[in-house]
Amino acid sequence: AAVGLHPDRVLYAETRRETEVLPTMEEGLRHGG
């Protein structure tokens, strides 16, 4: 927030495992919006 990114704009995806971060990114990108 101090650098201009308000928390209300951020959707957090906590995967618990690092191996799931990149697949989650890809799914979010392909979903769009």
PDB file of all heavy atoms in Angstrom:
ATOM      1  N   ALA A   1       0.835  -1.206   0.000  1.00  0.00           N
ATOM      2  CA  ALA A   1       0.000   0.000   0.000  1.00  0.00           C
ATOM      3  C   ALA A   1       0.867   1.252   0.000  1.00  0.00           C
ATOM      4  O   ALA A   1       0.514   2.269  -0.611  1.00  0.00           O
ATOM      5  CB  ALA A   1      -0.927  -0.010   1.205  1.00  0.00           C
ATOM      6  N   ALA A   2       2.024   1.185   0.663  1.00  0.00           N
ATOM      7  CA  ALA A   2       2.910   2.346   0.730  1.00  0.00           C
ATOM      8  C   ALA A   2       3.502   2.704  -0.619  1.00  0.00           C
ATOM      9  O   ALA A   2       3.931   3.852  -0.827  1.00  0.00           O
ATOM     10  CB  ALA A   2       4.034   2.085   1.733  1.00  0.00           C
ATOM     11  N   VAL A   3       3.548   1.740  -1.553  1.00  0.00           N
ATOM     12  CA  VAL A   3       4.053   2.031  -2.902  1.00  0.00           C
ATOM     13  C   VAL A   3       2.917   2.123  -3.913  1.00  0.00           C
ATOM     14  O   VAL A   3       3.137   2.030  -5.122  1.00  0.00           O
ATOM     15  CB  VAL A   3       5.108   0.986  -3.351  1.00  0.00           C
ATOM     16  CG1 VAL A   3       6.330   1.049  -2.466  1.00  0.00           C
ATOM     17  CG2 VAL A   3       4.525  -0.419  -3.384  1.00  0.00           C
ATOM     18  N   GLY A   4       1.684   2.283  -3.426  1.00  0.00           N
ATOM     19  CA  GLY A   4       0.569   2.577  -4.312  1.00  0.00           C
ATOM     20  C   GLY A   4      -0.349   1.426  -4.665  1.00  0.00           C
ATOM     21  O   GLY A   4      -1.354   1.641  -5.343  1.00  0.00           O
ATOM     22  N   LEU A   5      -0.038   0.198  -4.232  1.00  0.00           N
ATOM     23  CA  LEU A   5      -0.895  -0.949  -4.561  1.00  0.00           C
ATOM     24  C   LEU A   5      -1.820  -1.222  -3.373  1.00  0.00           C
ATOM     25  O   LEU A   5      -1.417  -1.826  -2.381  1.00  0.00           O
ATOM     26  CB  LEU A   5      -0.054  -2.186  -4.878  1.00  0.00           C
ATOM     27  CG  LEU A   5      -0.841  -3.441  -5.275  1.00  0.00           C
ATOM     28  CD1 LEU A   5      -1.690  -3.190  -6.513  1.00  0.00           C
ATOM     29  CD2 LEU A   5       0.103  -4.622  -5.506  1.00  0.00           C
ATOM     30  N   HIS A   6      -3.057  -0.769  -3.473  1.00  0.00           N
ATOM     31  CA  HIS A   6      -4.009  -0.905  -2.368  1.00  0.00           C
ATOM     32  C   HIS A   6      -4.370  -2.375  -2.166  1.00  0.00           C
ATOM     33  O   HIS A   6      -4.582  -3.108  -3.135  1.00  0.00           O
ATOM     34  CB  HIS A   6      -5.271  -0.088  -2.657  1.00  0.00           C
ATOM     35  CG  HIS A   6      -6.116   0.131  -1.450  1.00  0.00           C
ATOM     36  ND1 HIS A   6      -6.969  -0.830  -0.943  1.00  0.00           N
ATOM     37  CD2 HIS A   6      -6.214   1.200  -0.612  1.00  0.00           C
ATOM     38  CE1 HIS A   6      -7.581  -0.362   0.129  1.00  0.00           C
ATOM     39  NE2 HIS A   6      -7.140   0.864   0.361  1.00  0.00           N
ATOM     40  N   PRO A   7      -4.451  -2.831  -0.905  1.00  0.00           N
ATOM     41  CA  PRO A   7      -4.774  -4.245  -0.640  1.00  0.00           C
ATOM     42  C   PRO A   7      -6.095  -4.704  -1.239  1.00  0.00           C
ATOM     43  O   PRO A   7      -6.257  -5.891  -1.540  1.00  0.00           O
ATOM     44  CB  PRO A   7      -4.810  -4.308   0.895  1.00  0.00           C
ATOM     45  CG  PRO A   7      -3.947  -3.185   1.345  1.00  0.00           C
ATOM     46  CD  PRO A   7      -4.114  -2.096   0.323  1.00  0.00           C
ATOM     47  N   ASP A   8      -7.051  -3.792  -1.413  1.00  0.00           N
ATOM     48  CA  ASP A   8      -8.343  -4.177  -1.991  1.00  0.00           C
ATOM     49  C   ASP A   8      -8.214  -4.656  -3.436  1.00  0.00           C
ATOM     50  O   ASP A   8      -9.124  -5.321  -3.948  1.00  0.00           O
ATOM     51  CB  ASP A   8      -9.325  -3.003  -1.937  1.00  0.00           C
ATOM     52  CG  ASP A   8      -9.791  -2.704  -0.518  1.00  0.00           C
ATOM     53  OD1 ASP A   8      -9.515  -3.535   0.369  1.00  0.00           O
ATOM     54  OD2 ASP A   8     -10.421  -1.648  -0.309  1.00  0.00           O
ATOM     55  N   ARG A   9      -7.118  -4.312  -4.093  1.00  0.00           N
ATOM     56  CA  ARG A   9      -6.934  -4.719  -5.485  1.00  0.00           C
ATOM     57  C   ARG A   9      -6.275  -6.096  -5.612  1.00  0.00           C
ATOM     58  O   ARG A   9      -6.218  -6.651  -6.712  1.00  0.00           O
ATOM     59  CB  ARG A   9      -6.055  -3.700  -6.223  1.00  0.00           C
ATOM     60  CG  ARG A   9      -6.702  -2.339  -6.434  1.00  0.00           C
ATOM     61  CD  ARG A   9      -5.773  -1.473  -7.271  1.00  0.00           C
ATOM     62  NE  ARG A   9      -5.378  -2.163  -8.487  1.00  0.00           N
ATOM     63  CZ  ARG A   9      -4.254  -1.899  -9.163  1.00  0.00           C
ATOM     64  NH1 ARG A   9      -3.422  -0.985  -8.723  1.00  0.00           N
ATOM     65  NH2 ARG A   9      -3.961  -2.568 -10.249  1.00  0.00           N
ATOM     66  N   VAL A  10      -5.760  -6.623  -4.498  1.00  0.00           N
ATOM     67  CA  VAL A  10      -4.946  -7.838  -4.551  1.00  0.00           C
ATOM     68  C   VAL A  10      -5.757  -9.062  -4.152  1.00  0.00           C
ATOM     69  O   VAL A  10      -6.376  -9.095  -3.084  1.00  0.00           O
ATOM     70  CB  VAL A  10      -3.709  -7.708  -3.646  1.00  0.00           C
ATOM     71  CG1 VAL A  10      -2.829  -8.954  -3.778  1.00  0.00           C
ATOM     72  CG2 VAL A  10      -2.906  -6.457  -3.997  1.00  0.00           C
ATOM     73  N   LEU A  11      -5.740 -10.076  -5.015  1.00  0.00           N
ATOM     74  CA  LEU A  11      -6.308 -11.394  -4.708  1.00  0.00           C
ATOM     75  C   LEU A  11      -5.138 -12.309  -4.356  1.00  0.00           C
ATOM     76  O   LEU A  11      -4.219 -12.485  -5.156  1.00  0.00           O
ATOM     77  CB  LEU A  11      -7.068 -11.951  -5.914  1.00  0.00           C
ATOM     78  CG  LEU A  11      -8.159 -11.043  -6.500  1.00  0.00           C
ATOM     79  CD1 LEU A  11      -8.677 -11.635  -7.805  1.00  0.00           C
ATOM     80  CD2 LEU A  11      -9.288 -10.851  -5.509  1.00  0.00           C
ATOM     81  N   TYR A  12      -5.167 -12.888  -3.171  1.00  0.00           N
ATOM     82  CA  TYR A  12      -4.049 -13.703  -2.707  1.00  0.00           C
ATOM     83  C   TYR A  12      -4.338 -15.182  -2.960  1.00  0.00           C
ATOM     84  O   TYR A  12      -5.407 -15.694  -2.603  1.00  0.00           O
ATOM     85  CB  TYR A  12      -3.806 -13.485  -1.210  1.00  0.00           C
ATOM     86  CG  TYR A  12      -3.513 -12.054  -0.859  1.00  0.00           C
ATOM     87  CD1 TYR A  12      -4.534 -11.213  -0.408  1.00  0.00           C
ATOM     88  CD2 TYR A  12      -2.232 -11.527  -0.977  1.00  0.00           C
ATOM     89  CE1 TYR A  12      -4.269  -9.888  -0.084  1.00  0.00           C
ATOM     90  CE2 TYR A  12      -1.966 -10.210  -0.658  1.00  0.00           C
ATOM     91  CZ  TYR A  12      -2.993  -9.393  -0.218  1.00  0.00           C
ATOM     92  OH  TYR A  12      -2.737  -8.080   0.098  1.00  0.00           O
ATOM     93  N   ALA A  13      -3.377 -15.854  -3.550  1.00  0.00           N
ATOM     94  CA  ALA A  13      -3.458 -17.305  -3.754  1.00  0.00           C
ATOM     95  C   ALA A  13      -2.294 -17.936  -3.009  1.00  0.00           C
ATOM     96  O   ALA A  13      -1.160 -17.927  -3.491  1.00  0.00           O
ATOM     97  CB  ALA A  13      -3.409 -17.662  -5.238  1.00  0.00           C
ATOM     98  N   GLU A  14      -2.560 -18.452  -1.813  1.00  0.00           N
ATOM     99  CA  GLU A  14      -1.525 -19.076  -0.985  1.00  0.00           C
ATOM    100  C   GLU A  14      -1.578 -20.579  -1.225  1.00  0.00           C
ATOM    101  O   GLU A  14      -2.490 -21.268  -0.777  1.00  0.00           O
ATOM    102  CB  GLU A  14      -1.753 -18.734   0.482  1.00  0.00           C
ATOM    103  CG  GLU A  14      -1.628 -17.240   0.758  1.00  0.00           C
ATOM    104  CD  GLU A  14      -2.121 -16.852   2.131  1.00  0.00           C
ATOM    105  OE1 GLU A  14      -2.524 -17.766   2.887  1.00  0.00           O
ATOM    106  OE2 GLU A  14      -2.119 -15.656   2.453  1.00  0.00           O
ATOM    107  N   THR A  15      -0.600 -21.083  -1.943  1.00  0.00           N
ATOM    108  CA  THR A  15      -0.655 -22.464  -2.419  1.00  0.00           C
ATOM    109  C   THR A  15      -0.134 -23.490  -1.417  1.00  0.00           C
ATOM    110  O   THR A  15      -0.322 -24.677  -1.609  1.00  0.00           O
ATOM    111  CB  THR A  15       0.177 -22.601  -3.712  1.00  0.00           C
ATOM    112  OG1 THR A  15       1.554 -22.357  -3.410  1.00  0.00           O
ATOM    113  CG2 THR A  15      -0.298 -21.615  -4.770  1.00  0.00           C
ATOM    114  N   ARG A  16       0.565 -23.021  -0.375  1.00  0.00           N
ATOM    115  CA  ARG A  16       1.187 -23.899   0.616  1.00  0.00           C
ATOM    116  C   ARG A  16       2.433 -24.594   0.082  1.00  0.00           C
ATOM    117  O   ARG A  16       3.378 -24.846   0.803  1.00  0.00           O
ATOM    118  CB  ARG A  16       0.208 -24.966   1.144  1.00  0.00           C
ATOM    119  CG  ARG A  16      -1.078 -24.405   1.693  1.00  0.00           C
ATOM    120  CD  ARG A  16      -0.884 -23.769   3.030  1.00  0.00           C
ATOM    121  NE  ARG A  16      -2.140 -23.312   3.596  1.00  0.00           N
ATOM    122  CZ  ARG A  16      -2.230 -22.669   4.740  1.00  0.00           C
ATOM    123  NH1 ARG A  16      -1.137 -22.411   5.432  1.00  0.00           N
ATOM    124  NH2 ARG A  16      -3.394 -22.253   5.179  1.00  0.00           N
ATOM    125  N   ARG A  17       2.435 -24.942  -1.186  1.00  0.00           N
ATOM    126  CA  ARG A  17       3.610 -25.580  -1.787  1.00  0.00           C
ATOM    127  C   ARG A  17       4.103 -24.750  -2.964  1.00  0.00           C
ATOM    128  O   ARG A  17       3.306 -24.303  -3.791  1.00  0.00           O
ATOM    129  CB  ARG A  17       3.255 -26.978  -2.296  1.00  0.00           C
ATOM    130  CG  ARG A  17       2.949 -27.969  -1.204  1.00  0.00           C
ATOM    131  CD  ARG A  17       2.792 -29.343  -1.796  1.00  0.00           C
ATOM    132  NE  ARG A  17       1.589 -29.983  -1.286  1.00  0.00           N
ATOM    133  CZ  ARG A  17       1.071 -31.094  -1.794  1.00  0.00           C
ATOM    134  NH1 ARG A  17       1.638 -31.663  -2.823  1.00  0.00           N
ATOM    135  NH2 ARG A  17      -0.008 -31.624  -1.270  1.00  0.00           N
ATOM    136  N   GLU A  18       5.429 -24.617  -3.048  1.00  0.00           N
ATOM    137  CA  GLU A  18       5.991 -23.819  -4.126  1.00  0.00           C
ATOM    138  C   GLU A  18       5.715 -24.454  -5.492  1.00  0.00           C
ATOM    139  O   GLU A  18       5.567 -23.748  -6.487  1.00  0.00           O
ATOM    140  CB  GLU A  18       7.492 -23.636  -3.920  1.00  0.00           C
ATOM    141  CG  GLU A  18       8.111 -22.709  -4.948  1.00  0.00           C
ATOM    142  CD  GLU A  18       9.522 -22.298  -4.598  1.00  0.00           C
ATOM    143  OE1 GLU A  18       9.727 -21.740  -3.505  1.00  0.00           O
ATOM    144  OE2 GLU A  18      10.420 -22.562  -5.415  1.00  0.00           O
ATOM    145  N   THR A  19       5.641 -25.770  -5.551  1.00  0.00           N
ATOM    146  CA  THR A  19       5.413 -26.439  -6.834  1.00  0.00           C
ATOM    147  C   THR A  19       4.053 -26.091  -7.438  1.00  0.00           C
ATOM    148  O   THR A  19       3.833 -26.324  -8.634  1.00  0.00           O
ATOM    149  CB  THR A  19       5.505 -27.963  -6.664  1.00  0.00           C
ATOM    150  OG1 THR A  19       4.616 -28.383  -5.625  1.00  0.00           O
ATOM    151  CG2 THR A  19       6.923 -28.388  -6.318  1.00  0.00           C
ATOM    152  N   GLU A  20       3.157 -25.536  -6.633  1.00  0.00           N
ATOM    153  CA  GLU A  20       1.824 -25.205  -7.140  1.00  0.00           C
ATOM    154  C   GLU A  20       1.691 -23.739  -7.545  1.00  0.00           C
ATOM    155  O   GLU A  20       0.642 -23.333  -8.049  1.00  0.00           O
ATOM    156  CB  GLU A  20       0.774 -25.543  -6.075  1.00  0.00           C
ATOM    157  CG  GLU A  20       0.709 -27.036  -5.755  1.00  0.00           C
ATOM    158  CD  GLU A  20      -0.279 -27.338  -4.649  1.00  0.00           C
ATOM    159  OE1 GLU A  20      -0.919 -26.392  -4.155  1.00  0.00           O
ATOM    160  OE2 GLU A  20      -0.411 -28.515  -4.279  1.00  0.00           O
ATOM    161  N   VAL A  21       2.747 -22.956  -7.304  1.00  0.00           N
ATOM    162  CA  VAL A  21       2.657 -21.524  -7.612  1.00  0.00           C
ATOM    163  C   VAL A  21       2.538 -21.285  -9.109  1.00  0.00           C
ATOM    164  O   VAL A  21       1.662 -20.543  -9.569  1.00  0.00           O
ATOM    165  CB  VAL A  21       3.872 -20.770  -7.033  1.00  0.00           C
ATOM    166  CG1 VAL A  21       3.904 -19.331  -7.563  1.00  0.00           C
ATOM    167  CG2 VAL A  21       3.821 -20.758  -5.517  1.00  0.00           C
ATOM    168  N   LEU A  22       3.415 -21.894  -9.902  1.00  0.00           N
ATOM    169  CA  LEU A  22       3.405 -21.636 -11.342  1.00  0.00           C
ATOM    170  C   LEU A  22       2.126 -22.143 -12.013  1.00  0.00           C
ATOM    171  O   LEU A  22       1.564 -21.428 -12.857  1.00  0.00           O
ATOM    172  CB  LEU A  22       4.646 -22.252 -11.996  1.00  0.00           C
ATOM    173  CG  LEU A  22       5.994 -21.671 -11.513  1.00  0.00           C
ATOM    174  CD1 LEU A  22       7.156 -22.343 -12.230  1.00  0.00           C
ATOM    175  CD2 LEU A  22       6.045 -20.164 -11.709  1.00  0.00           C
ATOM    176  N   PRO A  23       1.624 -23.357 -11.693  1.00  0.00           N
ATOM    177  CA  PRO A  23       0.331 -23.760 -12.259  1.00  0.00           C
ATOM    178  C   PRO A  23      -0.806 -22.813 -11.883  1.00  0.00           C
ATOM    179  O   PRO A  23      -1.713 -22.569 -12.693  1.00  0.00           O
ATOM    180  CB  PRO A  23       0.116 -25.161 -11.672  1.00  0.00           C
ATOM    181  CG  PRO A  23       1.480 -25.677 -11.396  1.00  0.00           C
ATOM    182  CD  PRO A  23       2.264 -24.474 -10.964  1.00  0.00           C
ATOM    183  N   THR A  24      -0.769 -22.285 -10.651  1.00  0.00           N
ATOM    184  CA  THR A  24      -1.804 -21.337 -10.236  1.00  0.00           C
ATOM    185  C   THR A  24      -1.695 -20.045 -11.039  1.00  0.00           C
ATOM    186  O   THR A  24      -2.714 -19.457 -11.446  1.00  0.00           O
ATOM    187  CB  THR A  24      -1.674 -21.038  -8.735  1.00  0.00           C
ATOM    188  OG1 THR A  24      -1.758 -22.260  -7.997  1.00  0.00           O
ATOM    189  CG2 THR A  24      -2.790 -20.103  -8.273  1.00  0.00           C
ATOM    190  N   MET A  25      -0.471 -19.603 -11.269  1.00  0.00           N
ATOM    191  CA  MET A  25      -0.271 -18.429 -12.119  1.00  0.00           C
ATOM    192  C   MET A  25      -0.851 -18.646 -13.509  1.00  0.00           C
ATOM    193  O   MET A  25      -1.557 -17.787 -14.045  1.00  0.00           O
ATOM    194  CB  MET A  25       1.222 -18.118 -12.256  1.00  0.00           C
ATOM    195  CG  MET A  25       1.883 -17.443 -11.096  1.00  0.00           C
ATOM    196  SD  MET A  25       3.591 -16.949 -11.544  1.00  0.00           S
ATOM    197  CE  MET A  25       3.270 -15.657 -12.760  1.00  0.00           C
ATOM    198  N   GLU A  26      -0.536 -19.796 -14.090  1.00  0.00           N
ATOM    199  CA  GLU A  26      -1.007 -20.078 -15.447  1.00  0.00           C
ATOM    200  C   GLU A  26      -2.529 -20.103 -15.509  1.00  0.00           C
ATOM    201  O   GLU A  26      -3.138 -19.558 -16.439  1.00  0.00           O
ATOM    202  CB  GLU A  26      -0.434 -21.408 -15.928  1.00  0.00           C
ATOM    203  CG  GLU A  26      -0.796 -21.718 -17.366  1.00  0.00           C
ATOM    204  CD  GLU A  26      -0.226 -23.037 -17.852  1.00  0.00           C
ATOM    205  OE1 GLU A  26       0.649 -23.609 -17.164  1.00  0.00           O
ATOM    206  OE2 GLU A  26      -0.664 -23.506 -18.918  1.00  0.00           O
ATOM    207  N   GLU A  27      -3.140 -20.716 -14.515  1.00  0.00           N
ATOM    208  CA  GLU A  27      -4.600 -20.766 -14.490  1.00  0.00           C
ATOM    209  C   GLU A  27      -5.196 -19.369 -14.381  1.00  0.00           C
ATOM    210  O   GLU A  27      -6.176 -19.036 -15.051  1.00  0.00           O
ATOM    211  CB  GLU A  27      -5.073 -21.629 -13.318  1.00  0.00           C
ATOM    212  CG  GLU A  27      -6.573 -21.829 -13.268  1.00  0.00           C
ATOM    213  CD  GLU A  27      -6.993 -22.771 -12.173  1.00  0.00           C
ATOM    214  OE1 GLU A  27      -6.120 -23.474 -11.616  1.00  0.00           O
ATOM    215  OE2 GLU A  27      -8.204 -22.818 -11.865  1.00  0.00           O
ATOM    216  N   GLY A  28      -4.578 -18.527 -13.530  1.00  0.00           N
ATOM    217  CA  GLY A  28      -5.065 -17.162 -13.399  1.00  0.00           C
ATOM    218  C   GLY A  28      -4.910 -16.363 -14.681  1.00  0.00           C
ATOM    219  O   GLY A  28      -5.792 -15.582 -15.049  1.00  0.00           O
ATOM    220  N   LEU A  29      -3.791 -16.552 -15.373  1.00  0.00           N
ATOM    221  CA  LEU A  29      -3.578 -15.845 -16.637  1.00  0.00           C
ATOM    222  C   LEU A  29      -4.578 -16.292 -17.699  1.00  0.00           C
ATOM    223  O   LEU A  29      -5.126 -15.470 -18.438  1.00  0.00           O
ATOM    224  CB  LEU A  29      -2.147 -16.083 -17.128  1.00  0.00           C
ATOM    225  CG  LEU A  29      -1.040 -15.353 -16.372  1.00  0.00           C
ATOM    226  CD1 LEU A  29       0.328 -15.916 -16.748  1.00  0.00           C
ATOM    227  CD2 LEU A  29      -1.082 -13.847 -16.670  1.00  0.00           C
ATOM    228  N   ARG A  30      -4.809 -17.576 -17.791  1.00  0.00           N
ATOM    229  CA  ARG A  30      -5.719 -18.091 -18.825  1.00  0.00           C
ATOM    230  C   ARG A  30      -7.168 -17.723 -18.530  1.00  0.00           C
ATOM    231  O   ARG A  30      -7.987 -17.599 -19.446  1.00  0.00           O
ATOM    232  CB  ARG A  30      -5.559 -19.600 -18.953  1.00  0.00           C
ATOM    233  CG  ARG A  30      -4.185 -20.010 -19.485  1.00  0.00           C
ATOM    234  CD  ARG A  30      -4.151 -21.436 -19.959  1.00  0.00           C
ATOM    235  NE  ARG A  30      -2.820 -21.812 -20.417  1.00  0.00           N
ATOM    236  CZ  ARG A  30      -2.312 -21.505 -21.612  1.00  0.00           C
ATOM    237  NH1 ARG A  30      -3.040 -20.792 -22.459  1.00  0.00           N
ATOM    238  NH2 ARG A  30      -1.094 -21.881 -21.950  1.00  0.00           N
ATOM    239  N   HIS A  31      -7.491 -17.562 -17.268  1.00  0.00           N
ATOM    240  CA  HIS A  31      -8.858 -17.177 -16.917  1.00  0.00           C
ATOM    241  C   HIS A  31      -9.168 -15.763 -17.368  1.00  0.00           C
ATOM    242  O   HIS A  31     -10.293 -15.447 -17.780  1.00  0.00           O
ATOM    243  CB  HIS A  31      -9.053 -17.296 -15.401  1.00  0.00           C
ATOM    244  CG  HIS A  31     -10.436 -16.963 -14.951  1.00  0.00           C
ATOM    245  ND1 HIS A  31     -10.821 -15.665 -14.641  1.00  0.00           N
ATOM    246  CD2 HIS A  31     -11.532 -17.747 -14.768  1.00  0.00           C
ATOM    247  CE1 HIS A  31     -12.102 -15.676 -14.285  1.00  0.00           C
ATOM    248  NE2 HIS A  31     -12.546 -16.905 -14.341  1.00  0.00           N
ATOM    249  N   GLY A  32      -8.175 -14.880 -17.321  1.00  0.00           N
ATOM    250  CA  GLY A  32      -8.372 -13.492 -17.725  1.00  0.00           C
ATOM    251  C   GLY A  32      -9.085 -12.702 -16.631  1.00  0.00           C
ATOM    252  O   GLY A  32      -9.384 -13.200 -15.550  1.00  0.00           O
ATOM    253  N   GLY A  33      -9.368 -11.449 -16.926  1.00  0.00           N
ATOM    254  CA  GLY A  33     -10.089 -10.612 -15.987  1.00  0.00           C
ATOM    255  C   GLY A  33      -9.213  -9.966 -14.928  1.00  0.00           C
ATOM    256  O   GLY A  33      -9.730  -9.279 -14.041  1.00  0.00           O
TER     257      GLY A  33
END
